[in-house]
Amino acid sequence: MANAQFDLYAGLFDPIVVLAQERLRAGRASELSRSKETERMLTELGVEQRAIARLLGLHACDVDFQHVLISSLSG
């Protein structure tokens, strides 16, 4: 069971990266509606990713992709 949950956690990075790229494209194209919708989807996936990390006891992984990205860009 834990392996399936970890696979789910790790597997969320692929769609998150795709959505982050889409969010960037939408922002560059000044498409506010598409940008906001993509941001909402990123947030929802981040919530799921953190919840799965907590279930697995992966406390160091209890962060979402957006948090890691923003931290790396501002550090």
C-alpha atoms as a PDB file:
ATOM      1  CA  MET A   1       0.000   0.000   0.000  1.00  0.00           C
ATOM      2  CA  ALA A   2       2.754   2.479   0.904  1.00  0.00           C
ATOM      3  CA  ASN A   3       4.481   1.925  -2.452  1.00  0.00           C
ATOM      4  CA  ALA A   4       1.288   2.763  -4.314  1.00  0.00           C
ATOM      5  CA  GLN A   5       0.915   5.943  -2.261  1.00  0.00           C
ATOM      6  CA  PHE A   6       4.551   6.915  -2.837  1.00  0.00           C
ATOM      7  CA  ASP A   7       4.126   6.259  -6.563  1.00  0.00           C
ATOM      8  CA  LEU A   8       1.086   8.536  -6.505  1.00  0.00           C
ATOM      9  CA  TYR A   9       3.042  11.234  -4.638  1.00  0.00           C
ATOM     10  CA  ALA A  10       6.009  11.045  -7.019  1.00  0.00           C
ATOM     11  CA  GLY A  11       3.712  10.742 -10.037  1.00  0.00           C
ATOM     12  CA  LEU A  12       2.120  14.099  -9.244  1.00  0.00           C
ATOM     13  CA  PHE A  13       5.316  15.872 -10.259  1.00  0.00           C
ATOM     14  CA  ASP A  14       4.730  15.169 -13.963  1.00  0.00           C
ATOM     15  CA  PRO A  15       1.330  16.890 -14.224  1.00  0.00           C
ATOM     16  CA  ILE A  16       2.507  19.641 -11.892  1.00  0.00           C
ATOM     17  CA  VAL A  17       5.469  20.424 -14.156  1.00  0.00           C
ATOM     18  CA  VAL A  18       3.198  20.403 -17.214  1.00  0.00           C
ATOM     19  CA  LEU A  19       0.749  22.748 -15.479  1.00  0.00           C
ATOM     20  CA  ALA A  20       3.580  25.036 -14.369  1.00  0.00           C
ATOM     21  CA  GLN A  21       4.751  25.282 -17.976  1.00  0.00           C
ATOM     22  CA  GLU A  22       1.166  26.007 -19.086  1.00  0.00           C
ATOM     23  CA  ARG A  23       0.856  28.658 -16.386  1.00  0.00           C
ATOM     24  CA  LEU A  24       4.026  30.312 -17.668  1.00  0.00           C
ATOM     25  CA  ARG A  25       2.763  30.265 -21.262  1.00  0.00           C
ATOM     26  CA  ALA A  26      -0.579  31.741 -20.222  1.00  0.00           C
ATOM     27  CA  GLY A  27       1.133  34.478 -18.237  1.00  0.00           C
ATOM     28  CA  ARG A  28       3.436  35.371 -21.102  1.00  0.00           C
ATOM     29  CA  ALA A  29       0.439  35.515 -23.431  1.00  0.00           C
ATOM     30  CA  SER A  30      -1.442  37.719 -20.921  1.00  0.00           C
ATOM     31  CA  GLU A  31      -4.307  35.220 -20.834  1.00  0.00           C
ATOM     32  CA  LEU A  32      -5.559  35.975 -17.345  1.00  0.00           C
ATOM     33  CA  SER A  33      -8.458  33.520 -17.306  1.00  0.00           C
ATOM     34  CA  ARG A  34      -6.328  30.585 -18.457  1.00  0.00           C
ATOM     35  CA  SER A  35      -3.577  31.631 -16.072  1.00  0.00           C
ATOM     36  CA  LYS A  36      -5.932  31.708 -13.076  1.00  0.00           C
ATOM     37  CA  GLU A  37      -7.481  28.333 -13.954  1.00  0.00           C
ATOM     38  CA  THR A  38      -4.051  26.755 -14.296  1.00  0.00           C
ATOM     39  CA  GLU A  39      -3.023  28.284 -10.969  1.00  0.00           C
ATOM     40  CA  ARG A  40      -6.124  26.761  -9.345  1.00  0.00           C
ATOM     41  CA  MET A  41      -5.257  23.324 -10.710  1.00  0.00           C
ATOM     42  CA  LEU A  42      -1.664  23.688  -9.479  1.00  0.00           C
ATOM     43  CA  THR A  43      -2.914  24.599  -6.018  1.00  0.00           C
ATOM     44  CA  GLU A  44      -5.257  21.605  -5.884  1.00  0.00           C
ATOM     45  CA  LEU A  45      -2.502  19.216  -6.943  1.00  0.00           C
ATOM     46  CA  GLY A  46      -0.219  20.753  -4.333  1.00  0.00           C
ATOM     47  CA  VAL A  47      -2.801  20.082  -1.623  1.00  0.00           C
ATOM     48  CA  GLU A  48      -3.091  16.459  -2.762  1.00  0.00           C
ATOM     49  CA  GLN A  49       0.673  16.070  -2.895  1.00  0.00           C
ATOM     50  CA  ARG A  50       1.147  17.377   0.669  1.00  0.00           C
ATOM     51  CA  ALA A  51      -1.658  15.150   1.968  1.00  0.00           C
ATOM     52  CA  ILE A  52      -0.059  12.065   0.425  1.00  0.00           C
ATOM     53  CA  ALA A  53       3.342  13.008   1.873  1.00  0.00           C
ATOM     54  CA  ARG A  54       1.757  13.256   5.335  1.00  0.00           C
ATOM     55  CA  LEU A  55       0.053   9.879   4.892  1.00  0.00           C
ATOM     56  CA  LEU A  56       3.389   8.323   4.023  1.00  0.00           C
ATOM     57  CA  GLY A  57       5.161   9.989   6.927  1.00  0.00           C
ATOM     58  CA  LEU A  58       7.394  11.865   4.497  1.00  0.00           C
ATOM     59  CA  HIS A  59       7.476  15.005   6.597  1.00  0.00           C
ATOM     60  CA  ALA A  60      10.409  16.464   4.652  1.00  0.00           C
ATOM     61  CA  CYS A  61       8.245  16.142   1.521  1.00  0.00           C
ATOM     62  CA  ASP A  62       5.269  17.866   3.105  1.00  0.00           C
ATOM     63  CA  VAL A  63       5.688  20.784   0.699  1.00  0.00           C
ATOM     64  CA  ASP A  64       4.238  21.292  -2.723  1.00  0.00           C
ATOM     65  CA  PHE A  65       5.952  22.009  -6.004  1.00  0.00           C
ATOM     66  CA  GLN A  66       4.885  25.663  -6.038  1.00  0.00           C
ATOM     67  CA  HIS A  67       6.416  26.272  -2.614  1.00  0.00           C
ATOM     68  CA  VAL A  68       9.701  24.651  -3.686  1.00  0.00           C
ATOM     69  CA  LEU A  69       9.748  26.624  -6.933  1.00  0.00           C
ATOM     70  CA  ILE A  70       9.057  29.968  -5.258  1.00  0.00           C
ATOM     71  CA  SER A  71      11.625  29.264  -2.532  1.00  0.00           C
ATOM     72  CA  SER A  72      14.285  28.389  -5.085  1.00  0.00           C
ATOM     73  CA  LEU A  73      13.592  31.493  -7.151  1.00  0.00           C
ATOM     74  CA  SER A  74      13.658  33.876  -4.187  1.00  0.00           C
ATOM     75  CA  GLY A  75      16.665  32.356  -2.425  1.00  0.00           C
END
